[in-house]
Amino acid sequence: MFDDLTIGQLIVWLIVGAVAGNLVGRLVTLKKEGLGRWTNLGVGMGGALIGGFIFNVFDIAPELGQIKITVKDLVAAFLGALLLIVVWRAVHWYRGRNKTL
């Protein structure tokens, strides 16, 4: 799946991840700074990887593999980052709940 990944595509995913992380951070916290500069970036890049993987597995928009930022890239990174935040918060909630038992 990632055998034909080029440096250009990796750079595009990093840029898209940064944008998606910023948007998701702002959405989740309802603040201009979101989760913080580096956390936004990390969440966005993780989301870009997760979203890109999910879109590739389910073959969503298969003809958009060129080096360019498309709406598909932004949507995949945004949804992946949102999924990452949901899982992150669920783990923290579950850990906090088990400490009181």
Foldseek 3Di string as FASTA:
>chain_A
DCPPPDPLQVVLLLVLLLVLLQVLQCVVVVDNQRPHNVSSSVLSSQQLVQLVVVCVVVVPPVVPPDRDDDVSSNVSSNVSSNVVVVVVVVVVVVVVVVVVD
